[in-house]
Amino acid sequence: MEYEEDLKKLESNVEKMLSSLDSVQGEKIRLQADVVRLEKEKKGLEEQVKLLTDEKKNIHRRVSGLLGSIEKWEKSSVLEVGALSVADTLGKGLPEPVQGVLIGN
């Protein structure tokens, strides 16, 4: 009977360990569920980032096209103004509008 106390301590310790194991297993299950949920959320966010990146590239392409059109217009506008300035320098200027008489039958 001298082992009676030791056996009671052992039983108590084993019950505490089993209780702790149950608690840890429950936490493990909750954490695994969190991992699955976070992986789904990550996948959704990655898809959203891809969509936004594609949209940004599309907007950049369109804005670059608009800027190119504006620059092209500016260059052609400068050339036209430059041609007029050269004509003025040569003394030719712009031709005067011709006023005439309309002859009818």
C-alpha atoms as a PDB file:
ATOM      1  CA  MET A   1       0.000   0.000   0.000  1.00  0.00           C
ATOM      2  CA  GLU A   2       2.946   2.263   0.083  1.00  0.00           C
ATOM      3  CA  TYR A   3       2.497   2.794  -3.645  1.00  0.00           C
ATOM      4  CA  GLU A   4      -1.066   3.990  -3.227  1.00  0.00           C
ATOM      5  CA  GLU A   5      -0.069   7.654  -2.966  1.00  0.00           C
ATOM      6  CA  ASP A   6       2.308   7.394  -5.900  1.00  0.00           C
ATOM      7  CA  LEU A   7      -0.399   5.765  -8.014  1.00  0.00           C
ATOM      8  CA  LYS A   8      -2.872   8.536  -7.144  1.00  0.00           C
ATOM      9  CA  LYS A   9      -0.308  11.175  -8.159  1.00  0.00           C
ATOM     10  CA  LEU A  10       0.370   9.303 -11.383  1.00  0.00           C
ATOM     11  CA  GLU A  11      -3.351   9.026 -12.152  1.00  0.00           C
ATOM     12  CA  SER A  12      -3.806  12.726 -11.464  1.00  0.00           C
ATOM     13  CA  ASN A  13      -0.872  13.659 -13.689  1.00  0.00           C
ATOM     14  CA  VAL A  14      -2.092  11.410 -16.504  1.00  0.00           C
ATOM     15  CA  GLU A  15      -5.586  12.961 -16.312  1.00  0.00           C
ATOM     16  CA  LYS A  16      -4.065  16.469 -16.466  1.00  0.00           C
ATOM     17  CA  MET A  17      -1.925  15.489 -19.461  1.00  0.00           C
ATOM     18  CA  LEU A  18      -4.911  13.980 -21.266  1.00  0.00           C
ATOM     19  CA  SER A  19      -6.931  17.106 -20.568  1.00  0.00           C
ATOM     20  CA  SER A  20      -4.076  19.248 -21.882  1.00  0.00           C
ATOM     21  CA  LEU A  21      -3.827  17.035 -24.974  1.00  0.00           C
ATOM     22  CA  ASP A  22      -7.556  17.486 -25.649  1.00  0.00           C
ATOM     23  CA  SER A  23      -7.144  21.232 -25.333  1.00  0.00           C
ATOM     24  CA  VAL A  24      -4.107  21.281 -27.641  1.00  0.00           C
ATOM     25  CA  GLN A  25      -5.864  19.106 -30.222  1.00  0.00           C
ATOM     26  CA  GLY A  26      -8.852  21.454 -30.195  1.00  0.00           C
ATOM     27  CA  GLU A  27      -6.545  24.422 -30.701  1.00  0.00           C
ATOM     28  CA  LYS A  28      -4.788  22.573 -33.531  1.00  0.00           C
ATOM     29  CA  ILE A  29      -8.135  22.000 -35.288  1.00  0.00           C
ATOM     30  CA  ARG A  30      -9.037  25.687 -34.909  1.00  0.00           C
ATOM     31  CA  LEU A  31      -5.635  26.749 -36.257  1.00  0.00           C
ATOM     32  CA  GLN A  32      -5.949  24.395 -39.244  1.00  0.00           C
ATOM     33  CA  ALA A  33      -9.344  25.925 -40.021  1.00  0.00           C
ATOM     34  CA  ASP A  34      -7.755  29.384 -39.786  1.00  0.00           C
ATOM     35  CA  VAL A  35      -5.018  28.308 -42.207  1.00  0.00           C
ATOM     36  CA  VAL A  36      -7.605  27.067 -44.732  1.00  0.00           C
ATOM     37  CA  ARG A  37      -9.618  30.286 -44.386  1.00  0.00           C
ATOM     38  CA  LEU A  38      -6.516  32.470 -44.747  1.00  0.00           C
ATOM     39  CA  GLU A  39      -5.333  30.527 -47.811  1.00  0.00           C
ATOM     40  CA  LYS A  40      -8.704  31.124 -49.484  1.00  0.00           C
ATOM     41  CA  GLU A  41      -8.534  34.803 -48.539  1.00  0.00           C
ATOM     42  CA  LYS A  42      -4.958  34.995 -49.888  1.00  0.00           C
ATOM     43  CA  LYS A  43      -6.044  33.428 -53.178  1.00  0.00           C
ATOM     44  CA  GLY A  44      -8.886  35.952 -53.499  1.00  0.00           C
ATOM     45  CA  LEU A  45      -6.531  38.839 -52.760  1.00  0.00           C
ATOM     46  CA  GLU A  46      -3.989  37.559 -55.293  1.00  0.00           C
ATOM     47  CA  GLU A  47      -6.725  37.451 -57.945  1.00  0.00           C
ATOM     48  CA  GLN A  48      -7.770  40.977 -57.009  1.00  0.00           C
ATOM     49  CA  VAL A  49      -4.152  42.182 -57.267  1.00  0.00           C
ATOM     50  CA  LYS A  50      -3.863  40.568 -60.713  1.00  0.00           C
ATOM     51  CA  LEU A  51      -7.073  42.252 -61.892  1.00  0.00           C
ATOM     52  CA  LEU A  52      -5.950  45.630 -60.563  1.00  0.00           C
ATOM     53  CA  THR A  53      -2.506  45.202 -62.133  1.00  0.00           C
ATOM     54  CA  ASP A  54      -4.087  44.388 -65.496  1.00  0.00           C
ATOM     55  CA  GLU A  55      -6.390  47.392 -65.151  1.00  0.00           C
ATOM     56  CA  LYS A  56      -3.418  49.622 -64.294  1.00  0.00           C
ATOM     57  CA  LYS A  57      -1.509  48.395 -67.363  1.00  0.00           C
ATOM     58  CA  ASN A  58      -4.539  49.049 -69.562  1.00  0.00           C
ATOM     59  CA  ILE A  59      -4.986  52.565 -68.176  1.00  0.00           C
ATOM     60  CA  HIS A  60      -1.254  53.254 -68.578  1.00  0.00           C
ATOM     61  CA  ARG A  61      -1.384  52.092 -72.209  1.00  0.00           C
ATOM     62  CA  ARG A  62      -4.408  54.280 -72.955  1.00  0.00           C
ATOM     63  CA  VAL A  63      -2.954  57.368 -71.234  1.00  0.00           C
ATOM     64  CA  SER A  64       0.348  56.854 -73.076  1.00  0.00           C
ATOM     65  CA  GLY A  65      -1.600  56.737 -76.330  1.00  0.00           C
ATOM     66  CA  LEU A  66      -3.408  59.949 -75.458  1.00  0.00           C
ATOM     67  CA  LEU A  67      -0.139  61.677 -74.550  1.00  0.00           C
ATOM     68  CA  GLY A  68       1.384  60.460 -77.807  1.00  0.00           C
ATOM     69  CA  SER A  69      -1.544  61.903 -79.737  1.00  0.00           C
ATOM     70  CA  ILE A  70      -1.202  65.223 -77.923  1.00  0.00           C
ATOM     71  CA  GLU A  71       2.553  65.350 -78.607  1.00  0.00           C
ATOM     72  CA  LYS A  72       1.967  64.536 -82.276  1.00  0.00           C
ATOM     73  CA  TRP A  73      -0.632  67.294 -82.496  1.00  0.00           C
ATOM     74  CA  GLU A  74       1.721  69.745 -80.780  1.00  0.00           C
ATOM     75  CA  LYS A  75       4.529  68.940 -83.234  1.00  0.00           C
ATOM     76  CA  SER A  76       2.259  69.386 -86.246  1.00  0.00           C
ATOM     77  CA  SER A  77       0.900  72.603 -84.750  1.00  0.00           C
ATOM     78  CA  VAL A  78       4.430  73.976 -84.264  1.00  0.00           C
ATOM     79  CA  LEU A  79       5.312  73.077 -87.849  1.00  0.00           C
ATOM     80  CA  GLU A  80       2.260  74.918 -89.169  1.00  0.00           C
ATOM     81  CA  VAL A  81       3.010  78.002 -87.063  1.00  0.00           C
ATOM     82  CA  GLY A  82       6.665  77.792 -88.162  1.00  0.00           C
ATOM     83  CA  ALA A  83       5.622  77.649 -91.831  1.00  0.00           C
ATOM     84  CA  LEU A  84       3.486  80.743 -91.347  1.00  0.00           C
ATOM     85  CA  SER A  85       6.376  82.568 -89.678  1.00  0.00           C
ATOM     86  CA  VAL A  86       8.718  81.728 -92.571  1.00  0.00           C
ATOM     87  CA  ALA A  87       6.163  83.039 -95.079  1.00  0.00           C
ATOM     88  CA  ASP A  88       5.822  86.276 -93.094  1.00  0.00           C
ATOM     89  CA  THR A  89       9.601  86.675 -92.968  1.00  0.00           C
ATOM     90  CA  LEU A  90       9.870  86.338 -96.732  1.00  0.00           C
ATOM     91  CA  GLY A  91       7.353  89.126 -97.100  1.00  0.00           C
ATOM     92  CA  LYS A  92       4.744  86.945 -98.615  1.00  0.00           C
ATOM     93  CA  GLY A  93       2.440  86.771 -95.633  1.00  0.00           C
ATOM     94  CA  LEU A  94      -0.880  85.113 -95.888  1.00  0.00           C
ATOM     95  CA  PRO A  95      -2.725  85.521 -99.147  1.00  0.00           C
ATOM     96  CA  GLU A  96      -5.458  88.117 -98.929  1.00  0.00           C
ATOM     97  CA  PRO A  97      -8.961  86.841 -99.474  1.00  0.00           C
ATOM     98  CA  VAL A  98     -10.169  87.591-102.989  1.00  0.00           C
ATOM     99  CA  GLN A  99     -13.344  89.525-103.310  1.00  0.00           C
ATOM    100  CA  GLY A 100     -15.002  89.291-106.621  1.00  0.00           C
ATOM    101  CA  VAL A 101     -18.206  89.855-108.409  1.00  0.00           C
ATOM    102  CA  LEU A 102     -20.401  86.948-109.006  1.00  0.00           C
ATOM    103  CA  ILE A 103     -21.494  86.956-112.597  1.00  0.00           C
ATOM    104  CA  GLY A 104     -24.759  85.327-113.224  1.00  0.00           C
ATOM    105  CA  ASN A 105     -26.317  84.232-116.495  1.00  0.00           C
END
